[in-house]
Amino acid sequence: MARGKYKASAEKRIEAETIAQLTRKVQELTEENEKLKQQAIQDSLHHAYQIAEMHEQTVGVTSPRIQELEEEVLRLKKALRGL
């Protein structure tokens, strides 16, 4: 009888240790997940900023040239109508 009592006690202790280990592991993984989420958010914001910046550079450079060409097209159309 005593042997069974100690065996059950040992099994409960091992079970408690296993639960404690798993709880610590879950906590570590939760913390790591949160860090990775924050990093992904920062990366996403940085990429969005870079894309917006590149778009601004592209629009800023090409827009005046496009406008000039459109004006030239209008002048040529008026000139053709005048013939």
N, C-alpha and C. Protein backbone atom coordinates (compact mmCIF):
# COMPACT_ATOMS: atom_id res chain seq x y z
N MET A 1 0.82 -1.19 0.00
CA MET A 1 0.00 0.00 0.00
C MET A 1 0.86 1.25 0.00
N ALA A 2 1.90 1.27 0.81
CA ALA A 2 2.78 2.44 0.89
C ALA A 2 3.47 2.65 -0.44
N ARG A 3 3.82 1.57 -1.07
CA ARG A 3 4.50 1.67 -2.35
C ARG A 3 3.61 2.37 -3.37
N GLY A 4 2.36 2.06 -3.43
CA GLY A 4 1.40 2.69 -4.34
C GLY A 4 1.23 4.16 -4.02
N LYS A 5 1.28 4.47 -2.71
CA LYS A 5 1.12 5.87 -2.28
C LYS A 5 2.28 6.71 -2.80
N TYR A 6 3.51 6.20 -2.66
CA TYR A 6 4.68 6.93 -3.12
C TYR A 6 4.71 7.03 -4.66
N LYS A 7 4.26 5.97 -5.30
CA LYS A 7 4.22 5.97 -6.75
C LYS A 7 3.25 7.04 -7.26
N ALA A 8 2.09 7.11 -6.65
CA ALA A 8 1.10 8.11 -7.04
C ALA A 8 1.63 9.51 -6.77
N SER A 9 2.31 9.68 -5.64
CA SER A 9 2.89 10.97 -5.29
C SER A 9 3.96 11.37 -6.31
N ALA A 10 4.79 10.43 -6.69
CA ALA A 10 5.85 10.69 -7.66
C ALA A 10 5.25 11.04 -9.02
N GLU A 11 4.20 10.32 -9.40
CA GLU A 11 3.55 10.61 -10.67
C GLU A 11 2.92 12.00 -10.67
N LYS A 12 2.32 12.39 -9.56
CA LYS A 12 1.74 13.74 -9.46
C LYS A 12 2.82 14.81 -9.53
N ARG A 13 3.96 14.53 -8.87
CA ARG A 13 5.06 15.49 -8.91
C ARG A 13 5.59 15.63 -10.34
N ILE A 14 5.77 14.52 -11.02
CA ILE A 14 6.26 14.54 -12.41
C ILE A 14 5.24 15.26 -13.30
N GLU A 15 3.98 15.00 -13.06
CA GLU A 15 2.92 15.66 -13.83
C GLU A 15 2.95 17.18 -13.58
N ALA A 16 3.13 17.57 -12.35
CA ALA A 16 3.19 19.00 -12.01
C ALA A 16 4.41 19.66 -12.66
N GLU A 17 5.55 18.97 -12.65
CA GLU A 17 6.75 19.50 -13.28
C GLU A 17 6.56 19.63 -14.80
N THR A 18 5.92 18.65 -15.40
CA THR A 18 5.66 18.69 -16.84
C THR A 18 4.73 19.85 -17.17
N ILE A 19 3.70 20.04 -16.36
CA ILE A 19 2.77 21.15 -16.58
C ILE A 19 3.51 22.48 -16.45
N ALA A 20 4.38 22.58 -15.45
CA ALA A 20 5.15 23.81 -15.24
C ALA A 20 6.07 24.08 -16.44
N GLN A 21 6.72 23.03 -16.95
CA GLN A 21 7.59 23.18 -18.11
C GLN A 21 6.80 23.63 -19.33
N LEU A 22 5.66 22.99 -19.54
CA LEU A 22 4.83 23.35 -20.69
C LEU A 22 4.29 24.78 -20.57
N THR A 23 3.95 25.17 -19.35
CA THR A 23 3.46 26.53 -19.13
C THR A 23 4.55 27.54 -19.45
N ARG A 24 5.78 27.26 -18.99
CA ARG A 24 6.90 28.16 -19.30
C ARG A 24 7.14 28.23 -20.81
N LYS A 25 7.07 27.07 -21.47
CA LYS A 25 7.30 27.03 -22.92
C LYS A 25 6.22 27.83 -23.65
N VAL A 26 4.97 27.70 -23.23
CA VAL A 26 3.88 28.47 -23.84
C VAL A 26 4.12 29.96 -23.64
N GLN A 27 4.54 30.34 -22.45
CA GLN A 27 4.81 31.75 -22.16
C GLN A 27 5.96 32.27 -23.03
N GLU A 28 7.02 31.49 -23.18
CA GLU A 28 8.14 31.90 -24.02
C GLU A 28 7.70 32.06 -25.47
N LEU A 29 6.91 31.11 -25.96
CA LEU A 29 6.45 31.17 -27.33
C LEU A 29 5.50 32.35 -27.55
N THR A 30 4.69 32.64 -26.54
CA THR A 30 3.78 33.79 -26.63
C THR A 30 4.58 35.08 -26.71
N GLU A 31 5.61 35.21 -25.90
CA GLU A 31 6.46 36.40 -25.93
C GLU A 31 7.18 36.53 -27.27
N GLU A 32 7.71 35.41 -27.77
CA GLU A 32 8.40 35.42 -29.06
C GLU A 32 7.43 35.79 -30.17
N ASN A 33 6.21 35.26 -30.11
CA ASN A 33 5.19 35.57 -31.11
C ASN A 33 4.88 37.06 -31.11
N GLU A 34 4.76 37.65 -29.94
CA GLU A 34 4.48 39.08 -29.82
C GLU A 34 5.62 39.91 -30.42
N LYS A 35 6.86 39.50 -30.14
CA LYS A 35 8.01 40.21 -30.72
C LYS A 35 8.00 40.12 -32.24
N LEU A 36 7.69 38.92 -32.76
CA LEU A 36 7.65 38.74 -34.21
C LEU A 36 6.52 39.55 -34.84
N LYS A 37 5.38 39.64 -34.13
CA LYS A 37 4.27 40.45 -34.63
C LYS A 37 4.68 41.91 -34.72
N GLN A 38 5.32 42.40 -33.67
CA GLN A 38 5.76 43.79 -33.66
C GLN A 38 6.77 44.05 -34.78
N GLN A 39 7.68 43.11 -34.99
CA GLN A 39 8.66 43.25 -36.06
C GLN A 39 7.98 43.27 -37.42
N ALA A 40 6.98 42.40 -37.60
CA ALA A 40 6.25 42.36 -38.87
C ALA A 40 5.51 43.68 -39.11
N ILE A 41 4.93 44.24 -38.06
CA ILE A 41 4.24 45.52 -38.18
C ILE A 41 5.23 46.61 -38.57
N GLN A 42 6.38 46.64 -37.90
CA GLN A 42 7.40 47.65 -38.21
C GLN A 42 7.89 47.50 -39.66
N ASP A 43 8.11 46.25 -40.08
CA ASP A 43 8.56 46.01 -41.46
C ASP A 43 7.50 46.47 -42.45
N SER A 44 6.24 46.18 -42.15
CA SER A 44 5.14 46.57 -43.03
C SER A 44 5.06 48.09 -43.14
N LEU A 45 5.16 48.77 -42.01
CA LEU A 45 5.12 50.24 -42.03
C LEU A 45 6.30 50.82 -42.82
N HIS A 46 7.45 50.21 -42.63
CA HIS A 46 8.64 50.69 -43.34
C HIS A 46 8.48 50.49 -44.85
N HIS A 47 7.98 49.32 -45.25
CA HIS A 47 7.78 49.05 -46.67
C HIS A 47 6.73 50.01 -47.26
N ALA A 48 5.67 50.25 -46.51
CA ALA A 48 4.63 51.18 -46.98
C ALA A 48 5.23 52.58 -47.17
N TYR A 49 6.06 52.98 -46.24
CA TYR A 49 6.71 54.29 -46.34
C TYR A 49 7.61 54.35 -47.57
N GLN A 50 8.39 53.29 -47.78
CA GLN A 50 9.28 53.26 -48.94
C GLN A 50 8.49 53.30 -50.24
N ILE A 51 7.39 52.57 -50.29
CA ILE A 51 6.56 52.56 -51.50
C ILE A 51 5.98 53.95 -51.75
N ALA A 52 5.49 54.58 -50.69
CA ALA A 52 4.93 55.92 -50.83
C ALA A 52 6.00 56.91 -51.29
N GLU A 53 7.18 56.77 -50.74
CA GLU A 53 8.28 57.65 -51.13
C GLU A 53 8.67 57.45 -52.59
N MET A 54 8.76 56.20 -53.03
CA MET A 54 9.10 55.92 -54.43
C MET A 54 7.99 56.42 -55.35
N HIS A 55 6.74 56.26 -54.94
CA HIS A 55 5.62 56.75 -55.75
C HIS A 55 5.71 58.27 -55.89
N GLU A 56 6.00 58.94 -54.79
CA GLU A 56 6.12 60.41 -54.81
C GLU A 56 7.25 60.84 -55.75
N GLN A 57 8.36 60.14 -55.70
CA GLN A 57 9.48 60.47 -56.58
C GLN A 57 9.09 60.25 -58.03
N THR A 58 8.41 59.15 -58.30
CA THR A 58 8.00 58.83 -59.67
C THR A 58 7.02 59.86 -60.19
N VAL A 59 6.00 60.17 -59.40
CA VAL A 59 4.99 61.13 -59.81
C VAL A 59 5.61 62.51 -59.93
N GLY A 60 6.45 62.87 -59.00
CA GLY A 60 7.09 64.18 -59.03
C GLY A 60 7.96 64.39 -60.26
N VAL A 61 8.60 63.34 -60.73
CA VAL A 61 9.49 63.45 -61.88
C VAL A 61 8.72 63.39 -63.18
N THR A 62 7.77 62.48 -63.30
CA THR A 62 7.10 62.26 -64.57
C THR A 62 5.91 63.18 -64.79
N SER A 63 5.29 63.62 -63.74
CA SER A 63 4.08 64.41 -63.89
C SER A 63 4.28 65.68 -64.72
N PRO A 64 5.29 66.50 -64.47
CA PRO A 64 5.48 67.71 -65.29
C PRO A 64 5.72 67.37 -66.77
N ARG A 65 6.48 66.32 -66.99
CA ARG A 65 6.76 65.92 -68.39
C ARG A 65 5.48 65.47 -69.08
N ILE A 66 4.66 64.71 -68.39
CA ILE A 66 3.38 64.26 -68.96
C ILE A 66 2.50 65.47 -69.26
N GLN A 67 2.46 66.39 -68.35
CA GLN A 67 1.66 67.59 -68.54
C GLN A 67 2.15 68.38 -69.76
N GLU A 68 3.46 68.51 -69.92
CA GLU A 68 4.01 69.19 -71.09
C GLU A 68 3.59 68.49 -72.37
N LEU A 69 3.67 67.16 -72.37
CA LEU A 69 3.30 66.42 -73.58
C LEU A 69 1.81 66.56 -73.89
N GLU A 70 0.99 66.55 -72.86
CA GLU A 70 -0.45 66.72 -73.08
C GLU A 70 -0.75 68.10 -73.67
N GLU A 71 -0.07 69.11 -73.16
CA GLU A 71 -0.24 70.46 -73.71
C GLU A 71 0.21 70.53 -75.16
N GLU A 72 1.31 69.85 -75.45
CA GLU A 72 1.80 69.84 -76.83
C GLU A 72 0.81 69.13 -77.74
N VAL A 73 0.23 68.04 -77.28
CA VAL A 73 -0.78 67.32 -78.05
C VAL A 73 -1.97 68.24 -78.34
N LEU A 74 -2.41 68.98 -77.34
CA LEU A 74 -3.53 69.91 -77.54
C LEU A 74 -3.18 70.99 -78.58
N ARG A 75 -1.96 71.54 -78.50
CA ARG A 75 -1.53 72.55 -79.48
C ARG A 75 -1.52 71.95 -80.89
N LEU A 76 -1.03 70.71 -81.01
CA LEU A 76 -0.99 70.07 -82.33
C LEU A 76 -2.40 69.77 -82.85
N LYS A 77 -3.31 69.38 -81.96
CA LYS A 77 -4.69 69.14 -82.39
C LYS A 77 -5.31 70.44 -82.88
N LYS A 78 -5.10 71.53 -82.16
CA LYS A 78 -5.63 72.84 -82.58
C LYS A 78 -5.03 73.25 -83.90
N ALA A 79 -3.74 72.97 -84.07
CA ALA A 79 -3.09 73.34 -85.33
C ALA A 79 -3.67 72.53 -86.49
N LEU A 80 -3.96 71.25 -86.26
CA LEU A 80 -4.55 70.41 -87.30
C LEU A 80 -5.96 70.87 -87.63
N ARG A 81 -6.72 71.28 -86.67
CA ARG A 81 -8.08 71.77 -86.91
C ARG A 81 -8.04 73.07 -87.70
N GLY A 82 -7.02 73.86 -87.48
CA GLY A 82 -6.89 75.14 -88.15
C GLY A 82 -6.54 74.98 -89.63
N LEU A 83 -6.03 73.84 -90.04
CA LEU A 83 -5.67 73.64 -91.45
C LEU A 83 -6.87 73.53 -92.25
